[in-house]
Amino acid sequence: MYLNVIDQRIQQDKRIRICDGLVNVKDNNIQLIIDNPT
């Protein structure tokens, strides 16, 4: 369980701040969520 939590944190870190957005990869589908505060 502890290793699972670390793996999830690493995956979250990889998804953070990519082209000022959030890239979520699920089932070979890439979803780009633009995070534009302006």
PDB file of N, CA and C in Angstrom:
ATOM      1  N   MET A   1       0.833  -1.199   0.000  1.00  0.00           N
ATOM      2  CA  MET A   1       0.000   0.000   0.000  1.00  0.00           C
ATOM      3  C   MET A   1       0.872   1.254   0.000  1.00  0.00           C
ATOM      4  N   TYR A   2       1.953   1.226   0.747  1.00  0.00           N
ATOM      5  CA  TYR A   2       2.842   2.388   0.807  1.00  0.00           C
ATOM      6  C   TYR A   2       3.468   2.658  -0.561  1.00  0.00           C
ATOM      7  N   LEU A   3       3.905   1.592  -1.233  1.00  0.00           N
ATOM      8  CA  LEU A   3       4.494   1.753  -2.567  1.00  0.00           C
ATOM      9  C   LEU A   3       3.455   2.266  -3.547  1.00  0.00           C
ATOM     10  N   ASN A   4       2.206   1.863  -3.362  1.00  0.00           N
ATOM     11  CA  ASN A   4       1.127   2.315  -4.241  1.00  0.00           C
ATOM     12  C   ASN A   4       0.936   3.825  -4.113  1.00  0.00           C
ATOM     13  N   VAL A   5       0.996   4.334  -2.906  1.00  0.00           N
ATOM     14  CA  VAL A   5       0.822   5.774  -2.672  1.00  0.00           C
ATOM     15  C   VAL A   5       1.960   6.549  -3.325  1.00  0.00           C
ATOM     16  N   ILE A   6       3.189   6.038  -3.193  1.00  0.00           N
ATOM     17  CA  ILE A   6       4.343   6.702  -3.810  1.00  0.00           C
ATOM     18  C   ILE A   6       4.183   6.714  -5.321  1.00  0.00           C
ATOM     19  N   ASP A   7       3.727   5.602  -5.890  1.00  0.00           N
ATOM     20  CA  ASP A   7       3.545   5.509  -7.338  1.00  0.00           C
ATOM     21  C   ASP A   7       2.506   6.517  -7.803  1.00  0.00           C
ATOM     22  N   GLN A   8       1.440   6.686  -7.037  1.00  0.00           N
ATOM     23  CA  GLN A   8       0.390   7.644  -7.397  1.00  0.00           C
ATOM     24  C   GLN A   8       0.930   9.068  -7.331  1.00  0.00           C
ATOM     25  N   ARG A   9       1.774   9.347  -6.336  1.00  0.00           N
ATOM     26  CA  ARG A   9       2.345  10.692  -6.215  1.00  0.00           C
ATOM     27  C   ARG A   9       3.262  10.982  -7.396  1.00  0.00           C
ATOM     28  N   ILE A  10       4.044   9.991  -7.808  1.00  0.00           N
ATOM     29  CA  ILE A  10       4.945  10.173  -8.953  1.00  0.00           C
ATOM     30  C   ILE A  10       4.136  10.425 -10.212  1.00  0.00           C
ATOM     31  N   GLN A  11       3.043   9.680 -10.392  1.00  0.00           N
ATOM     32  CA  GLN A  11       2.202   9.863 -11.570  1.00  0.00           C
ATOM     33  C   GLN A  11       1.570  11.252 -11.550  1.00  0.00           C
ATOM     34  N   GLN A  12       1.174  11.732 -10.382  1.00  0.00           N
ATOM     35  CA  GLN A  12       0.579  13.065 -10.281  1.00  0.00           C
ATOM     36  C   GLN A  12       1.615  14.130 -10.622  1.00  0.00           C
ATOM     37  N   ASP A  13       2.866  13.925 -10.160  1.00  0.00           N
ATOM     38  CA  ASP A  13       3.924  14.890 -10.446  1.00  0.00           C
ATOM     39  C   ASP A  13       4.209  14.964 -11.935  1.00  0.00           C
ATOM     40  N   LYS A  14       4.083  13.822 -12.631  1.00  0.00           N
ATOM     41  CA  LYS A  14       4.334  13.795 -14.068  1.00  0.00           C
ATOM     42  C   LYS A  14       3.235  14.523 -14.825  1.00  0.00           C
ATOM     43  N   ARG A  15       2.023  14.584 -14.243  1.00  0.00           N
ATOM     44  CA  ARG A  15       0.887  15.195 -14.938  1.00  0.00           C
ATOM     45  C   ARG A  15       0.774  16.693 -14.644  1.00  0.00           C
ATOM     46  N   ILE A  16       1.632  17.187 -13.735  1.00  0.00           N
ATOM     47  CA  ILE A  16       1.502  18.581 -13.302  1.00  0.00           C
ATOM     48  C   ILE A  16       2.384  19.507 -14.145  1.00  0.00           C
ATOM     49  N   ARG A  17       1.831  20.606 -14.589  1.00  0.00           N
ATOM     50  CA  ARG A  17       2.557  21.661 -15.295  1.00  0.00           C
ATOM     51  C   ARG A  17       3.185  21.147 -16.586  1.00  0.00           C
ATOM     52  N   ILE A  18       2.361  20.625 -17.473  1.00  0.00           N
ATOM     53  CA  ILE A  18       2.807  20.259 -18.815  1.00  0.00           C
ATOM     54  C   ILE A  18       2.112  21.209 -19.780  1.00  0.00           C
ATOM     55  N   CYS A  19       2.850  22.130 -20.358  1.00  0.00           N
ATOM     56  CA  CYS A  19       2.281  23.145 -21.264  1.00  0.00           C
ATOM     57  C   CYS A  19       1.184  23.931 -20.546  1.00  0.00           C
ATOM     58  N   ASP A  20       1.412  24.271 -19.292  1.00  0.00           N
ATOM     59  CA  ASP A  20       0.431  25.022 -18.496  1.00  0.00           C
ATOM     60  C   ASP A  20      -0.910  24.319 -18.458  1.00  0.00           C
ATOM     61  N   GLY A  21      -0.886  23.007 -18.478  1.00  0.00           N
ATOM     62  CA  GLY A  21      -2.140  22.258 -18.437  1.00  0.00           C
ATOM     63  C   GLY A  21      -1.938  20.931 -17.738  1.00  0.00           C
ATOM     64  N   LEU A  22      -2.945  20.115 -17.770  1.00  0.00           N
ATOM     65  CA  LEU A  22      -2.884  18.808 -17.131  1.00  0.00           C
ATOM     66  C   LEU A  22      -3.108  17.730 -18.177  1.00  0.00           C
ATOM     67  N   VAL A  23      -2.112  16.856 -18.317  1.00  0.00           N
ATOM     68  CA  VAL A  23      -2.225  15.782 -19.297  1.00  0.00           C
ATOM     69  C   VAL A  23      -2.585  14.501 -18.567  1.00  0.00           C
ATOM     70  N   ASN A  24      -3.719  13.931 -18.898  1.00  0.00           N
ATOM     71  CA  ASN A  24      -4.193  12.720 -18.240  1.00  0.00           C
ATOM     72  C   ASN A  24      -4.260  11.599 -19.259  1.00  0.00           C
ATOM     73  N   VAL A  25      -3.507  10.525 -19.008  1.00  0.00           N
ATOM     74  CA  VAL A  25      -3.469   9.411 -19.947  1.00  0.00           C
ATOM     75  C   VAL A  25      -4.243   8.233 -19.365  1.00  0.00           C
ATOM     76  N   LYS A  26      -5.324   7.847 -20.034  1.00  0.00           N
ATOM     77  CA  LYS A  26      -6.114   6.695 -19.588  1.00  0.00           C
ATOM     78  C   LYS A  26      -6.525   5.864 -20.790  1.00  0.00           C
ATOM     79  N   ASP A  27      -6.271   4.564 -20.723  1.00  0.00           N
ATOM     80  CA  ASP A  27      -6.676   3.652 -21.797  1.00  0.00           C
ATOM     81  C   ASP A  27      -6.188   4.134 -23.160  1.00  0.00           C
ATOM     82  N   ASN A  28      -4.914   4.543 -23.229  1.00  0.00           N
ATOM     83  CA  ASN A  28      -4.297   5.014 -24.474  1.00  0.00           C
ATOM     84  C   ASN A  28      -4.995   6.238 -25.043  1.00  0.00           C
ATOM     85  N   ASN A  29      -5.776   6.935 -24.214  1.00  0.00           N
ATOM     86  CA  ASN A  29      -6.419   8.179 -24.652  1.00  0.00           C
ATOM     87  C   ASN A  29      -5.795   9.343 -23.894  1.00  0.00           C
ATOM     88  N   ILE A  30      -5.333  10.336 -24.625  1.00  0.00           N
ATOM     89  CA  ILE A  30      -4.691  11.480 -23.984  1.00  0.00           C
ATOM     90  C   ILE A  30      -5.672  12.643 -23.899  1.00  0.00           C
ATOM     91  N   GLN A  31      -5.921  13.088 -22.668  1.00  0.00           N
ATOM     92  CA  GLN A  31      -6.816  14.225 -22.469  1.00  0.00           C
ATOM     93  C   GLN A  31      -5.991  15.410 -21.969  1.00  0.00           C
ATOM     94  N   LEU A  32      -6.051  16.526 -22.689  1.00  0.00           N
ATOM     95  CA  LEU A  32      -5.323  17.718 -22.275  1.00  0.00           C
ATOM     96  C   LEU A  32      -6.294  18.722 -21.670  1.00  0.00           C
ATOM     97  N   ILE A  33      -6.117  18.972 -20.376  1.00  0.00           N
ATOM     98  CA  ILE A  33      -6.980  19.930 -19.690  1.00  0.00           C
ATOM     99  C   ILE A  33      -6.192  21.227 -19.513  1.00  0.00           C
ATOM    100  N   ILE A  34      -6.592  22.261 -20.220  1.00  0.00           N
ATOM    101  CA  ILE A  34      -5.880  23.533 -20.167  1.00  0.00           C
ATOM    102  C   ILE A  34      -6.176  24.256 -18.858  1.00  0.00           C
ATOM    103  N   ASP A  35      -5.100  24.637 -18.168  1.00  0.00           N
ATOM    104  CA  ASP A  35      -5.248  25.363 -16.910  1.00  0.00           C
ATOM    105  C   ASP A  35      -4.776  26.794 -17.138  1.00  0.00           C
ATOM    106  N   ASN A  36      -5.696  27.664 -17.503  1.00  0.00           N
ATOM    107  CA  ASN A  36      -5.363  29.048 -17.817  1.00  0.00           C
ATOM    108  C   ASN A  36      -6.105  29.982 -16.871  1.00  0.00           C
ATOM    109  N   PRO A  37      -5.433  30.457 -15.826  1.00  0.00           N
ATOM    110  CA  PRO A  37      -6.096  31.293 -14.823  1.00  0.00           C
ATOM    111  C   PRO A  37      -6.479  32.668 -15.348  1.00  0.00           C
ATOM    112  N   THR A  38      -5.839  33.115 -16.435  1.00  0.00           N
ATOM    113  CA  THR A  38      -6.121  34.462 -16.946  1.00  0.00           C
ATOM    114  C   THR A  38      -7.435  34.444 -17.696  1.00  0.00           C
TER     115      THR A  38
END
